[in-house]
Amino acid sequence: MECSVAQRAGGSVLTGGRAWVVSSAGVDEEGAGQVITSDRSGTAHDAAVRRLVDVVRDHVRLIDTGGPRPPGWRYPSVFHFLLAHGRVFTPAPRPPGLDKMPDGACRVNAAHAARTYGEHDLVYAGGMAAYHRPGVAVHLPHAWCVTRDGTAVDPTWDADGGTIAYFGVPLADRTLWPAYGEGLLEDFMRCAPLLRDGFSEAAYAPRGHGIT
């Protein structure tokens, strides 16, 4: 339920039972989508990463000030889970032999690439990504692959002259990789046990960089 990232300057994507709405004008009324128009501090990629992580933190704060939490659950939402376990990854070009895969299937693309291109030692990662280009930036749920050295290899998105930032959870447990449809963080029935009980260390691939 996605299109080319370059076309996502306006529109919506559904995740976790709700729409994340983005536009070129501002933030939607529920605060579920974020758009920025400029950031002069640091490099373009560093600025995109900081804003992307801030978007997740904004959602955590919003949820924390809302209704009651599910009793006994480790994480009240996927945003809390992502903030606790998410890592930052440096974008890298797709390696030779790994061609761009179809738009609209980032989760299946990432899982397929990680399973198929073993010579690149890829694992699946899911979370949020940002695409910045002059005048607008969007923040969307997304999935990609991660190499052992912590770089992001994206079978679906091309930068197209913009800047891409990634913040997500790298998964070593292949049973958590999607085969069809939604990814782990978007499929509530699959994600609920992680939110309720926590995350096994064996399921986690320690790749990428932590946040401060």
N, C-alpha and C. Protein backbone atom coordinates (compact mmCIF):
# COMPACT_ATOMS: atom_id res chain seq x y z
N MET A 1 0.84 -1.19 0.00
CA MET A 1 0.00 0.00 0.00
C MET A 1 0.87 1.24 0.00
N GLU A 2 1.77 1.29 -0.97
CA GLU A 2 2.67 2.41 -1.07
C GLU A 2 3.00 2.62 -2.54
N CYS A 3 3.52 3.78 -2.87
CA CYS A 3 3.97 4.00 -4.23
C CYS A 3 5.42 4.47 -4.17
N SER A 4 5.94 4.90 -5.29
CA SER A 4 7.29 5.42 -5.29
C SER A 4 7.42 6.54 -4.28
N VAL A 5 8.53 6.54 -3.53
CA VAL A 5 8.68 7.56 -2.50
C VAL A 5 8.66 8.96 -3.10
N ALA A 6 9.15 9.11 -4.30
CA ALA A 6 9.15 10.43 -4.93
C ALA A 6 7.74 10.93 -5.19
N GLN A 7 6.76 10.02 -5.23
CA GLN A 7 5.37 10.41 -5.43
C GLN A 7 4.65 10.64 -4.11
N ARG A 8 5.34 10.41 -2.96
CA ARG A 8 4.68 10.45 -1.67
C ARG A 8 4.69 11.83 -1.02
N ALA A 9 4.89 12.89 -1.79
CA ALA A 9 4.81 14.22 -1.21
C ALA A 9 3.41 14.54 -0.73
N GLY A 10 2.43 13.79 -1.17
CA GLY A 10 1.07 13.92 -0.69
C GLY A 10 0.40 12.58 -0.77
N GLY A 11 -0.50 12.29 0.20
CA GLY A 11 -1.20 11.01 0.18
C GLY A 11 -1.24 10.39 1.55
N SER A 12 -1.44 9.07 1.62
CA SER A 12 -1.50 8.41 2.91
C SER A 12 -1.07 6.98 2.77
N VAL A 13 -0.65 6.40 3.88
CA VAL A 13 -0.32 4.98 3.93
C VAL A 13 -0.87 4.43 5.23
N LEU A 14 -1.43 3.24 5.19
CA LEU A 14 -2.07 2.65 6.35
C LEU A 14 -1.11 1.77 7.10
N THR A 15 -1.02 1.94 8.39
CA THR A 15 -0.19 1.07 9.22
C THR A 15 -0.78 0.98 10.60
N GLY A 16 -0.76 -0.21 11.16
CA GLY A 16 -1.27 -0.39 12.50
C GLY A 16 -2.72 0.00 12.64
N GLY A 17 -3.50 -0.10 11.57
CA GLY A 17 -4.92 0.19 11.64
C GLY A 17 -5.28 1.65 11.48
N ARG A 18 -4.34 2.48 11.03
CA ARG A 18 -4.68 3.88 10.84
C ARG A 18 -3.88 4.43 9.67
N ALA A 19 -4.28 5.59 9.17
CA ALA A 19 -3.58 6.20 8.05
C ALA A 19 -2.54 7.19 8.56
N TRP A 20 -1.38 7.13 7.96
CA TRP A 20 -0.34 8.14 8.21
C TRP A 20 -0.44 9.12 7.05
N VAL A 21 -0.93 10.31 7.31
CA VAL A 21 -1.21 11.26 6.23
C VAL A 21 -0.06 12.26 6.13
N VAL A 22 0.41 12.46 4.90
CA VAL A 22 1.47 13.42 4.69
C VAL A 22 1.08 14.35 3.55
N SER A 23 1.63 15.54 3.59
CA SER A 23 1.36 16.50 2.52
C SER A 23 2.55 17.42 2.41
N SER A 24 2.51 18.32 1.44
CA SER A 24 3.59 19.28 1.29
C SER A 24 3.33 20.55 2.06
N ALA A 25 2.27 20.58 2.86
CA ALA A 25 1.89 21.82 3.51
C ALA A 25 2.10 21.82 5.02
N GLY A 26 2.11 20.66 5.68
CA GLY A 26 2.25 20.67 7.12
C GLY A 26 1.90 19.34 7.73
N VAL A 27 1.45 19.37 8.98
CA VAL A 27 1.14 18.16 9.72
C VAL A 27 -0.36 17.93 9.70
N ASP A 28 -0.77 16.66 9.52
CA ASP A 28 -2.20 16.40 9.48
C ASP A 28 -2.81 16.61 10.86
N GLU A 29 -4.12 16.65 10.92
CA GLU A 29 -4.80 17.06 12.13
C GLU A 29 -4.58 16.10 13.29
N GLU A 30 -4.26 14.81 13.01
CA GLU A 30 -4.02 13.87 14.08
C GLU A 30 -2.56 13.80 14.46
N GLY A 31 -1.69 14.52 13.73
CA GLY A 31 -0.27 14.46 14.02
C GLY A 31 0.36 13.18 13.55
N ALA A 32 -0.31 12.41 12.68
CA ALA A 32 0.21 11.12 12.27
C ALA A 32 1.21 11.22 11.14
N GLY A 33 1.28 12.36 10.46
CA GLY A 33 2.28 12.54 9.42
C GLY A 33 3.03 13.83 9.67
N GLN A 34 4.30 13.85 9.35
CA GLN A 34 5.11 15.02 9.61
C GLN A 34 5.76 15.49 8.32
N VAL A 35 5.81 16.78 8.13
CA VAL A 35 6.48 17.36 6.98
C VAL A 35 7.36 18.50 7.45
N ILE A 36 8.58 18.60 6.94
CA ILE A 36 9.43 19.73 7.26
C ILE A 36 9.85 20.38 5.95
N THR A 37 10.25 21.63 6.01
CA THR A 37 10.63 22.34 4.80
C THR A 37 12.09 22.75 4.79
N SER A 38 12.76 22.74 5.95
CA SER A 38 14.17 23.10 5.95
C SER A 38 14.82 22.66 7.25
N ASP A 39 16.13 22.45 7.18
CA ASP A 39 16.91 22.14 8.36
C ASP A 39 18.35 22.52 8.04
N ARG A 40 18.87 23.58 8.67
CA ARG A 40 20.18 24.09 8.31
C ARG A 40 21.30 23.53 9.16
N SER A 41 20.99 22.71 10.17
CA SER A 41 22.03 22.23 11.07
C SER A 41 22.54 20.88 10.62
N GLY A 42 23.90 20.73 10.60
CA GLY A 42 24.50 19.45 10.27
C GLY A 42 24.34 19.12 8.80
N THR A 43 24.75 17.92 8.44
CA THR A 43 24.61 17.48 7.06
C THR A 43 23.15 17.15 6.77
N ALA A 44 22.85 17.02 5.50
CA ALA A 44 21.46 16.72 5.12
C ALA A 44 21.02 15.39 5.70
N HIS A 45 21.89 14.39 5.68
CA HIS A 45 21.50 13.08 6.20
C HIS A 45 21.34 13.12 7.72
N ASP A 46 22.28 13.75 8.42
CA ASP A 46 22.18 13.85 9.88
C ASP A 46 20.91 14.58 10.29
N ALA A 47 20.58 15.66 9.56
CA ALA A 47 19.36 16.41 9.87
C ALA A 47 18.13 15.55 9.63
N ALA A 48 18.14 14.77 8.56
CA ALA A 48 17.00 13.90 8.27
C ALA A 48 16.84 12.84 9.34
N VAL A 49 17.95 12.28 9.82
CA VAL A 49 17.89 11.27 10.88
C VAL A 49 17.33 11.87 12.16
N ARG A 50 17.83 13.04 12.54
CA ARG A 50 17.35 13.67 13.77
C ARG A 50 15.86 13.93 13.71
N ARG A 51 15.39 14.43 12.58
CA ARG A 51 13.97 14.74 12.47
C ARG A 51 13.14 13.46 12.48
N LEU A 52 13.64 12.42 11.83
CA LEU A 52 12.92 11.15 11.79
C LEU A 52 12.75 10.57 13.19
N VAL A 53 13.82 10.57 13.97
CA VAL A 53 13.74 10.07 15.34
C VAL A 53 12.82 10.96 16.18
N ASP A 54 12.88 12.26 15.95
CA ASP A 54 11.98 13.17 16.67
C ASP A 54 10.52 12.88 16.36
N VAL A 55 10.22 12.49 15.13
CA VAL A 55 8.84 12.14 14.78
C VAL A 55 8.36 10.96 15.63
N VAL A 56 9.22 9.95 15.78
CA VAL A 56 8.86 8.80 16.62
C VAL A 56 8.68 9.24 18.06
N ARG A 57 9.58 10.08 18.57
CA ARG A 57 9.47 10.57 19.95
C ARG A 57 8.20 11.39 20.13
N ASP A 58 7.83 12.17 19.13
CA ASP A 58 6.59 12.95 19.21
C ASP A 58 5.38 12.03 19.38
N HIS A 59 5.37 10.93 18.65
CA HIS A 59 4.26 9.98 18.78
C HIS A 59 4.25 9.33 20.15
N VAL A 60 5.43 9.01 20.68
CA VAL A 60 5.50 8.42 22.02
C VAL A 60 4.94 9.39 23.06
N ARG A 61 5.33 10.66 22.96
CA ARG A 61 4.82 11.65 23.91
C ARG A 61 3.32 11.83 23.78
N LEU A 62 2.83 11.82 22.55
CA LEU A 62 1.40 11.97 22.34
C LEU A 62 0.62 10.81 22.96
N ILE A 63 1.12 9.61 22.77
CA ILE A 63 0.45 8.43 23.33
C ILE A 63 0.54 8.43 24.85
N ASP A 64 1.69 8.85 25.38
CA ASP A 64 1.86 8.87 26.84
C ASP A 64 0.92 9.85 27.52
N THR A 65 0.49 10.88 26.81
CA THR A 65 -0.44 11.85 27.40
C THR A 65 -1.89 11.52 27.09
N GLY A 66 -2.12 10.40 26.41
CA GLY A 66 -3.47 10.02 26.02
C GLY A 66 -4.12 9.11 27.03
N GLY A 67 -4.81 8.11 26.53
CA GLY A 67 -5.57 7.21 27.38
C GLY A 67 -4.71 6.23 28.13
N PRO A 68 -5.34 5.33 28.87
CA PRO A 68 -4.60 4.35 29.69
C PRO A 68 -3.85 3.36 28.82
N ARG A 69 -2.73 2.87 29.35
CA ARG A 69 -1.96 1.85 28.65
C ARG A 69 -2.58 0.47 28.86
N PRO A 70 -2.33 -0.45 27.94
CA PRO A 70 -2.79 -1.83 28.18
C PRO A 70 -2.09 -2.37 29.43
N PRO A 71 -2.82 -2.87 30.39
CA PRO A 71 -2.19 -3.31 31.64
C PRO A 71 -1.24 -4.48 31.41
N GLY A 72 -0.02 -4.35 31.94
CA GLY A 72 0.96 -5.42 31.86
C GLY A 72 1.75 -5.49 30.58
N TRP A 73 1.48 -4.62 29.62
CA TRP A 73 2.21 -4.65 28.35
C TRP A 73 3.54 -3.92 28.50
N ARG A 74 4.57 -4.47 27.88
CA ARG A 74 5.89 -3.84 27.92
C ARG A 74 5.92 -2.52 27.16
N TYR A 75 5.27 -2.50 26.00
CA TYR A 75 5.27 -1.30 25.16
C TYR A 75 3.83 -0.93 24.80
N PRO A 76 3.42 0.30 25.06
CA PRO A 76 2.04 0.70 24.75
C PRO A 76 1.75 0.82 23.26
N SER A 77 2.78 0.95 22.42
CA SER A 77 2.56 1.15 20.99
C SER A 77 3.79 0.73 20.22
N VAL A 78 3.65 0.66 18.89
CA VAL A 78 4.80 0.34 18.05
C VAL A 78 5.84 1.45 18.12
N PHE A 79 5.42 2.68 18.42
CA PHE A 79 6.38 3.77 18.53
C PHE A 79 7.28 3.58 19.76
N HIS A 80 6.71 3.14 20.86
CA HIS A 80 7.51 2.84 22.04
C HIS A 80 8.49 1.70 21.75
N PHE A 81 8.01 0.69 21.06
CA PHE A 81 8.87 -0.44 20.68
C PHE A 81 10.00 0.02 19.78
N LEU A 82 9.67 0.84 18.79
CA LEU A 82 10.66 1.33 17.84
C LEU A 82 11.69 2.21 18.54
N LEU A 83 11.24 3.07 19.45
CA LEU A 83 12.18 3.93 20.16
C LEU A 83 13.11 3.12 21.06
N ALA A 84 12.62 2.01 21.61
CA ALA A 84 13.44 1.19 22.49
C ALA A 84 14.46 0.35 21.71
N HIS A 85 14.10 -0.10 20.52
CA HIS A 85 14.95 -1.05 19.80
C HIS A 85 15.45 -0.54 18.45
N GLY A 86 14.99 0.63 18.03
CA GLY A 86 15.36 1.12 16.71
C GLY A 86 16.81 1.51 16.59
N ARG A 87 17.34 1.35 15.40
CA ARG A 87 18.71 1.71 15.08
C ARG A 87 18.71 2.60 13.84
N VAL A 88 19.79 3.34 13.69
CA VAL A 88 19.97 4.23 12.54
C VAL A 88 20.95 3.57 11.57
N PHE A 89 20.68 3.72 10.27
CA PHE A 89 21.50 3.07 9.26
C PHE A 89 21.90 4.07 8.18
N THR A 90 23.13 3.96 7.73
CA THR A 90 23.64 4.83 6.68
C THR A 90 23.25 4.28 5.32
N PRO A 91 22.60 5.07 4.46
CA PRO A 91 22.20 4.55 3.15
C PRO A 91 23.41 4.19 2.30
N ALA A 92 23.25 3.14 1.50
CA ALA A 92 24.30 2.70 0.57
C ALA A 92 23.64 2.28 -0.73
N PRO A 93 24.36 2.37 -1.84
CA PRO A 93 23.78 1.91 -3.12
C PRO A 93 23.50 0.40 -3.07
N ARG A 94 22.55 -0.02 -3.87
CA ARG A 94 22.31 -1.45 -4.00
C ARG A 94 23.53 -2.12 -4.61
N PRO A 95 23.93 -3.27 -4.09
CA PRO A 95 25.12 -3.95 -4.63
C PRO A 95 24.85 -4.50 -6.02
N PRO A 96 25.89 -4.79 -6.78
CA PRO A 96 25.70 -5.36 -8.11
C PRO A 96 24.87 -6.65 -8.05
N GLY A 97 23.94 -6.76 -8.95
CA GLY A 97 23.09 -7.93 -9.00
C GLY A 97 21.77 -7.77 -8.28
N LEU A 98 21.67 -6.79 -7.39
CA LEU A 98 20.42 -6.52 -6.69
C LEU A 98 19.76 -5.32 -7.34
N ASP A 99 18.80 -5.59 -8.19
CA ASP A 99 18.12 -4.54 -8.94
C ASP A 99 16.96 -3.97 -8.14
N LYS A 100 16.50 -2.79 -8.55
CA LYS A 100 15.33 -2.20 -7.92
C LYS A 100 14.13 -3.13 -8.08
N MET A 101 13.37 -3.26 -7.00
CA MET A 101 12.17 -4.10 -7.00
C MET A 101 10.92 -3.22 -7.07
N PRO A 102 9.75 -3.82 -7.26
CA PRO A 102 8.55 -3.03 -7.55
C PRO A 102 8.15 -2.10 -6.40
N ASP A 103 7.70 -0.90 -6.76
CA ASP A 103 7.09 -0.02 -5.79
C ASP A 103 5.83 -0.67 -5.24
N GLY A 104 5.48 -0.28 -4.01
CA GLY A 104 4.25 -0.80 -3.42
C GLY A 104 4.41 -2.08 -2.65
N ALA A 105 5.66 -2.57 -2.51
CA ALA A 105 5.86 -3.85 -1.83
C ALA A 105 7.18 -3.84 -1.07
N CYS A 106 7.46 -2.78 -0.33
CA CYS A 106 8.77 -2.64 0.29
C CYS A 106 9.07 -3.77 1.27
N ARG A 107 8.06 -4.24 2.01
CA ARG A 107 8.30 -5.27 3.03
C ARG A 107 8.60 -6.62 2.39
N VAL A 108 7.81 -6.99 1.40
CA VAL A 108 8.07 -8.23 0.68
C VAL A 108 9.40 -8.12 -0.07
N ASN A 109 9.67 -6.96 -0.66
CA ASN A 109 10.93 -6.76 -1.37
C ASN A 109 12.13 -6.95 -0.45
N ALA A 110 12.08 -6.32 0.72
CA ALA A 110 13.20 -6.39 1.65
C ALA A 110 13.42 -7.82 2.16
N ALA A 111 12.32 -8.50 2.48
CA ALA A 111 12.44 -9.88 2.95
C ALA A 111 12.98 -10.79 1.85
N HIS A 112 12.49 -10.60 0.64
CA HIS A 112 12.96 -11.42 -0.48
C HIS A 112 14.44 -11.18 -0.75
N ALA A 113 14.85 -9.91 -0.74
CA ALA A 113 16.26 -9.60 -0.99
C ALA A 113 17.15 -10.19 0.09
N ALA A 114 16.72 -10.09 1.35
CA ALA A 114 17.53 -10.62 2.44
C ALA A 114 17.65 -12.14 2.37
N ARG A 115 16.58 -12.79 1.93
CA ARG A 115 16.62 -14.25 1.82
C ARG A 115 17.41 -14.72 0.60
N THR A 116 17.37 -13.93 -0.46
CA THR A 116 17.89 -14.38 -1.75
C THR A 116 19.36 -14.06 -1.97
N TYR A 117 19.79 -12.90 -1.50
CA TYR A 117 21.14 -12.43 -1.79
C TYR A 117 22.04 -12.68 -0.59
N GLY A 118 22.24 -13.96 -0.27
CA GLY A 118 23.02 -14.34 0.90
C GLY A 118 24.46 -13.88 0.86
N GLU A 119 24.99 -13.70 -0.34
CA GLU A 119 26.40 -13.28 -0.45
C GLU A 119 26.62 -11.88 0.11
N HIS A 120 25.55 -11.11 0.27
CA HIS A 120 25.67 -9.76 0.82
C HIS A 120 25.38 -9.71 2.32
N ASP A 121 25.04 -10.85 2.93
CA ASP A 121 24.82 -10.95 4.38
C ASP A 121 23.80 -9.90 4.85
N LEU A 122 22.64 -9.92 4.23
CA LEU A 122 21.59 -8.95 4.54
C LEU A 122 20.62 -9.50 5.56
N VAL A 123 20.07 -8.62 6.39
CA VAL A 123 18.93 -8.95 7.23
C VAL A 123 17.82 -7.94 6.96
N TYR A 124 16.62 -8.33 7.28
CA TYR A 124 15.45 -7.48 7.11
C TYR A 124 15.37 -6.47 8.25
N ALA A 125 14.96 -5.25 7.92
CA ALA A 125 14.72 -4.23 8.94
C ALA A 125 13.43 -3.50 8.61
N GLY A 126 12.65 -3.22 9.65
CA GLY A 126 11.40 -2.49 9.46
C GLY A 126 11.29 -1.36 10.47
N GLY A 127 10.66 -0.29 10.06
CA GLY A 127 10.49 0.85 10.95
C GLY A 127 9.95 2.03 10.19
N MET A 128 10.65 3.15 10.28
CA MET A 128 10.26 4.35 9.55
C MET A 128 11.44 4.87 8.75
N ALA A 129 11.13 5.52 7.65
CA ALA A 129 12.16 6.13 6.82
C ALA A 129 11.69 7.52 6.42
N ALA A 130 12.66 8.37 6.13
CA ALA A 130 12.37 9.74 5.70
C ALA A 130 12.95 9.95 4.31
N TYR A 131 12.20 10.67 3.52
CA TYR A 131 12.68 11.09 2.20
C TYR A 131 12.62 12.61 2.14
N HIS A 132 13.78 13.24 1.98
CA HIS A 132 13.87 14.70 1.92
C HIS A 132 14.32 15.11 0.53
N ARG A 133 13.67 16.13 0.02
CA ARG A 133 14.11 16.78 -1.21
C ARG A 133 13.82 18.26 -1.05
N PRO A 134 14.36 19.12 -1.89
CA PRO A 134 14.16 20.55 -1.68
C PRO A 134 12.69 20.93 -1.54
N GLY A 135 12.37 21.55 -0.41
CA GLY A 135 11.03 22.07 -0.19
C GLY A 135 10.11 21.18 0.60
N VAL A 136 10.41 19.90 0.74
CA VAL A 136 9.48 19.01 1.43
C VAL A 136 10.22 17.76 1.90
N ALA A 137 9.71 17.17 2.98
CA ALA A 137 10.20 15.87 3.43
C ALA A 137 9.03 15.10 3.99
N VAL A 138 9.04 13.79 3.79
CA VAL A 138 7.98 12.94 4.30
C VAL A 138 8.58 11.83 5.15
N HIS A 139 7.80 11.35 6.12
CA HIS A 139 8.21 10.29 7.03
C HIS A 139 7.17 9.19 6.97
N LEU A 140 7.60 7.99 6.61
CA LEU A 140 6.67 6.90 6.31
C LEU A 140 7.14 5.60 6.94
N PRO A 141 6.20 4.69 7.26
CA PRO A 141 6.59 3.33 7.60
C PRO A 141 7.22 2.67 6.38
N HIS A 142 8.27 1.89 6.59
CA HIS A 142 9.03 1.37 5.46
C HIS A 142 9.82 0.14 5.91
N ALA A 143 10.37 -0.60 4.96
CA ALA A 143 11.23 -1.74 5.23
C ALA A 143 12.38 -1.75 4.24
N TRP A 144 13.52 -2.24 4.67
CA TRP A 144 14.73 -2.26 3.86
C TRP A 144 15.62 -3.39 4.36
N CYS A 145 16.82 -3.51 3.82
CA CYS A 145 17.80 -4.51 4.26
C CYS A 145 18.97 -3.80 4.93
N VAL A 146 19.68 -4.55 5.77
CA VAL A 146 20.84 -4.01 6.47
C VAL A 146 22.02 -4.97 6.32
N THR A 147 23.18 -4.43 6.00
CA THR A 147 24.40 -5.22 5.90
C THR A 147 25.02 -5.40 7.28
N ARG A 148 26.03 -6.25 7.36
CA ARG A 148 26.69 -6.49 8.64
C ARG A 148 27.36 -5.23 9.18
N ASP A 149 27.81 -4.34 8.29
CA ASP A 149 28.47 -3.12 8.76
C ASP A 149 27.49 -2.00 9.06
N GLY A 150 26.18 -2.28 9.00
CA GLY A 150 25.20 -1.29 9.42
C GLY A 150 24.71 -0.34 8.35
N THR A 151 24.98 -0.62 7.10
CA THR A 151 24.46 0.22 6.03
C THR A 151 23.12 -0.31 5.55
N ALA A 152 22.27 0.61 5.10
CA ALA A 152 20.94 0.27 4.60
C ALA A 152 21.00 0.04 3.10
N VAL A 153 20.50 -1.10 2.67
CA VAL A 153 20.36 -1.41 1.26
C VAL A 153 18.86 -1.49 0.98
N ASP A 154 18.38 -0.62 0.13
CA ASP A 154 16.94 -0.49 -0.07
C ASP A 154 16.55 -1.04 -1.45
N PRO A 155 15.84 -2.17 -1.49
CA PRO A 155 15.44 -2.71 -2.78
C PRO A 155 14.32 -1.92 -3.47
N THR A 156 13.66 -1.01 -2.74
CA THR A 156 12.45 -0.37 -3.26
C THR A 156 12.64 1.10 -3.59
N TRP A 157 13.22 1.87 -2.68
CA TRP A 157 13.33 3.31 -2.87
C TRP A 157 14.64 3.68 -3.55
N ASP A 158 14.56 4.69 -4.42
CA ASP A 158 15.73 5.38 -4.96
C ASP A 158 15.72 6.80 -4.45
N ALA A 159 16.90 7.35 -4.22
CA ALA A 159 16.97 8.71 -3.67
C ALA A 159 16.44 9.75 -4.65
N ASP A 160 16.63 9.53 -5.94
CA ASP A 160 16.11 10.46 -6.96
C ASP A 160 16.50 11.91 -6.65
N GLY A 161 17.74 12.11 -6.24
CA GLY A 161 18.22 13.45 -5.96
C GLY A 161 17.90 13.95 -4.57
N GLY A 162 17.20 13.16 -3.76
CA GLY A 162 16.88 13.56 -2.40
C GLY A 162 17.78 12.87 -1.39
N THR A 163 17.38 12.94 -0.13
CA THR A 163 18.11 12.32 0.97
C THR A 163 17.18 11.36 1.70
N ILE A 164 17.65 10.15 1.96
CA ILE A 164 16.85 9.15 2.66
C ILE A 164 17.50 8.83 3.99
N ALA A 165 16.69 8.74 5.04
CA ALA A 165 17.16 8.35 6.37
C ALA A 165 16.33 7.17 6.85
N TYR A 166 16.95 6.29 7.64
CA TYR A 166 16.29 5.07 8.10
C TYR A 166 16.39 4.95 9.62
N PHE A 167 15.29 4.56 10.25
CA PHE A 167 15.27 4.28 11.68
C PHE A 167 14.35 3.08 11.89
N GLY A 168 14.95 1.94 12.26
CA GLY A 168 14.13 0.75 12.37
C GLY A 168 14.82 -0.35 13.15
N VAL A 169 14.17 -1.49 13.18
CA VAL A 169 14.62 -2.64 13.96
C VAL A 169 15.13 -3.73 13.01
N PRO A 170 16.41 -4.09 13.09
CA PRO A 170 16.94 -5.18 12.26
C PRO A 170 16.63 -6.52 12.91
N LEU A 171 16.09 -7.44 12.13
CA LEU A 171 15.59 -8.71 12.66
C LEU A 171 16.44 -9.87 12.18
N ALA A 172 17.02 -10.59 13.14
CA ALA A 172 17.78 -11.79 12.81
C ALA A 172 16.87 -13.00 12.65
N ASP A 173 15.74 -13.01 13.32
CA ASP A 173 14.80 -14.13 13.29
C ASP A 173 13.99 -14.08 11.99
N ARG A 174 14.25 -15.00 11.10
CA ARG A 174 13.59 -14.98 9.79
C ARG A 174 12.10 -15.27 9.88
N THR A 175 11.66 -15.89 10.95
CA THR A 175 10.22 -16.13 11.08
C THR A 175 9.45 -14.83 11.27
N LEU A 176 10.15 -13.75 11.62
CA LEU A 176 9.51 -12.45 11.78
C LEU A 176 9.53 -11.64 10.49
N TRP A 177 10.24 -12.12 9.49
CA TRP A 177 10.26 -11.42 8.21
C TRP A 177 8.95 -11.69 7.48
N PRO A 178 8.37 -10.67 6.83
CA PRO A 178 7.09 -10.89 6.15
C PRO A 178 7.27 -11.69 4.87
N ALA A 179 6.28 -12.49 4.57
CA ALA A 179 6.24 -13.20 3.29
C ALA A 179 5.19 -12.58 2.38
N TYR A 180 4.11 -12.10 2.99
CA TYR A 180 3.02 -11.47 2.24
C TYR A 180 2.50 -10.28 3.05
N GLY A 181 2.03 -9.27 2.34
CA GLY A 181 1.30 -8.19 3.00
C GLY A 181 2.15 -7.35 3.94
N GLU A 182 1.58 -7.05 5.11
CA GLU A 182 2.16 -6.09 6.01
C GLU A 182 3.37 -6.64 6.76
N GLY A 183 4.23 -5.74 7.18
CA GLY A 183 5.39 -6.12 7.97
C GLY A 183 5.03 -6.30 9.43
N LEU A 184 6.04 -6.66 10.21
CA LEU A 184 5.81 -6.99 11.61
C LEU A 184 5.19 -5.83 12.38
N LEU A 185 5.70 -4.62 12.20
CA LEU A 185 5.23 -3.48 12.99
C LEU A 185 3.88 -2.97 12.51
N GLU A 186 3.45 -3.37 11.32
CA GLU A 186 2.16 -2.92 10.80
C GLU A 186 1.05 -3.95 11.01
N ASP A 187 1.41 -5.18 11.26
CA ASP A 187 0.44 -6.25 11.46
C ASP A 187 0.23 -6.43 12.96
N PHE A 188 -0.89 -5.93 13.47
CA PHE A 188 -1.08 -5.92 14.92
C PHE A 188 -1.08 -7.32 15.51
N MET A 189 -1.67 -8.28 14.83
CA MET A 189 -1.74 -9.63 15.37
C MET A 189 -0.36 -10.24 15.54
N ARG A 190 0.57 -9.90 14.67
CA ARG A 190 1.94 -10.41 14.78
C ARG A 190 2.77 -9.57 15.74
N CYS A 191 2.46 -8.28 15.81
CA CYS A 191 3.24 -7.37 16.64
C CYS A 191 2.81 -7.41 18.10
N ALA A 192 1.55 -7.73 18.36
CA ALA A 192 1.02 -7.68 19.72
C ALA A 192 1.85 -8.47 20.73
N PRO A 193 2.31 -9.69 20.41
CA PRO A 193 3.12 -10.41 21.40
C PRO A 193 4.41 -9.68 21.77
N LEU A 194 5.01 -8.98 20.81
CA LEU A 194 6.22 -8.22 21.10
C LEU A 194 5.91 -7.03 22.00
N LEU A 195 4.79 -6.36 21.73
CA LEU A 195 4.41 -5.22 22.56
C LEU A 195 4.04 -5.66 23.96
N ARG A 196 3.42 -6.80 24.06
CA ARG A 196 2.98 -7.30 25.37
C ARG A 196 4.14 -7.89 26.19
N ASP A 197 4.93 -8.75 25.55
CA ASP A 197 5.91 -9.55 26.29
C ASP A 197 7.35 -9.07 26.15
N GLY A 198 7.63 -8.25 25.16
CA GLY A 198 9.00 -7.80 24.95
C GLY A 198 9.66 -8.54 23.79
N PHE A 199 10.91 -8.21 23.58
CA PHE A 199 11.64 -8.62 22.40
C PHE A 199 12.78 -9.55 22.80
N SER A 200 12.82 -10.74 22.23
CA SER A 200 13.90 -11.68 22.51
C SER A 200 15.21 -11.20 21.88
N GLU A 201 16.30 -11.30 22.63
CA GLU A 201 17.60 -10.89 22.09
C GLU A 201 17.97 -11.72 20.87
N ALA A 202 17.54 -12.98 20.83
CA ALA A 202 17.87 -13.85 19.70
C ALA A 202 17.20 -13.38 18.41
N ALA A 203 16.12 -12.61 18.53
CA ALA A 203 15.40 -12.14 17.35
C ALA A 203 16.04 -10.90 16.75
N TYR A 204 16.95 -10.29 17.48
CA TYR A 204 17.49 -8.97 17.13
C TYR A 204 18.86 -9.11 16.48
N ALA A 205 19.09 -8.39 15.40
CA ALA A 205 20.40 -8.35 14.75
C ALA A 205 21.10 -7.06 15.16
N PRO A 206 22.20 -7.13 15.91
CA PRO A 206 22.85 -5.92 16.41
C PRO A 206 23.64 -5.19 15.32
N ARG A 207 22.92 -4.53 14.46
CA ARG A 207 23.54 -3.80 13.35
C ARG A 207 23.07 -2.35 13.38
N GLY A 208 23.85 -1.48 12.77
CA GLY A 208 23.50 -0.07 12.75
C GLY A 208 23.99 0.66 13.98
N HIS A 209 23.46 1.85 14.20
CA HIS A 209 23.92 2.73 15.27
C HIS A 209 22.76 3.10 16.17
N GLY A 210 23.01 3.13 17.47
CA GLY A 210 22.00 3.53 18.42
C GLY A 210 21.76 5.03 18.39
N ILE A 211 20.73 5.45 19.09
CA ILE A 211 20.40 6.88 19.17
C ILE A 211 20.68 7.36 20.59
N THR A 212 20.82 8.66 20.72
CA THR A 212 21.07 9.25 22.04
C THR A 212 19.94 10.19 22.40
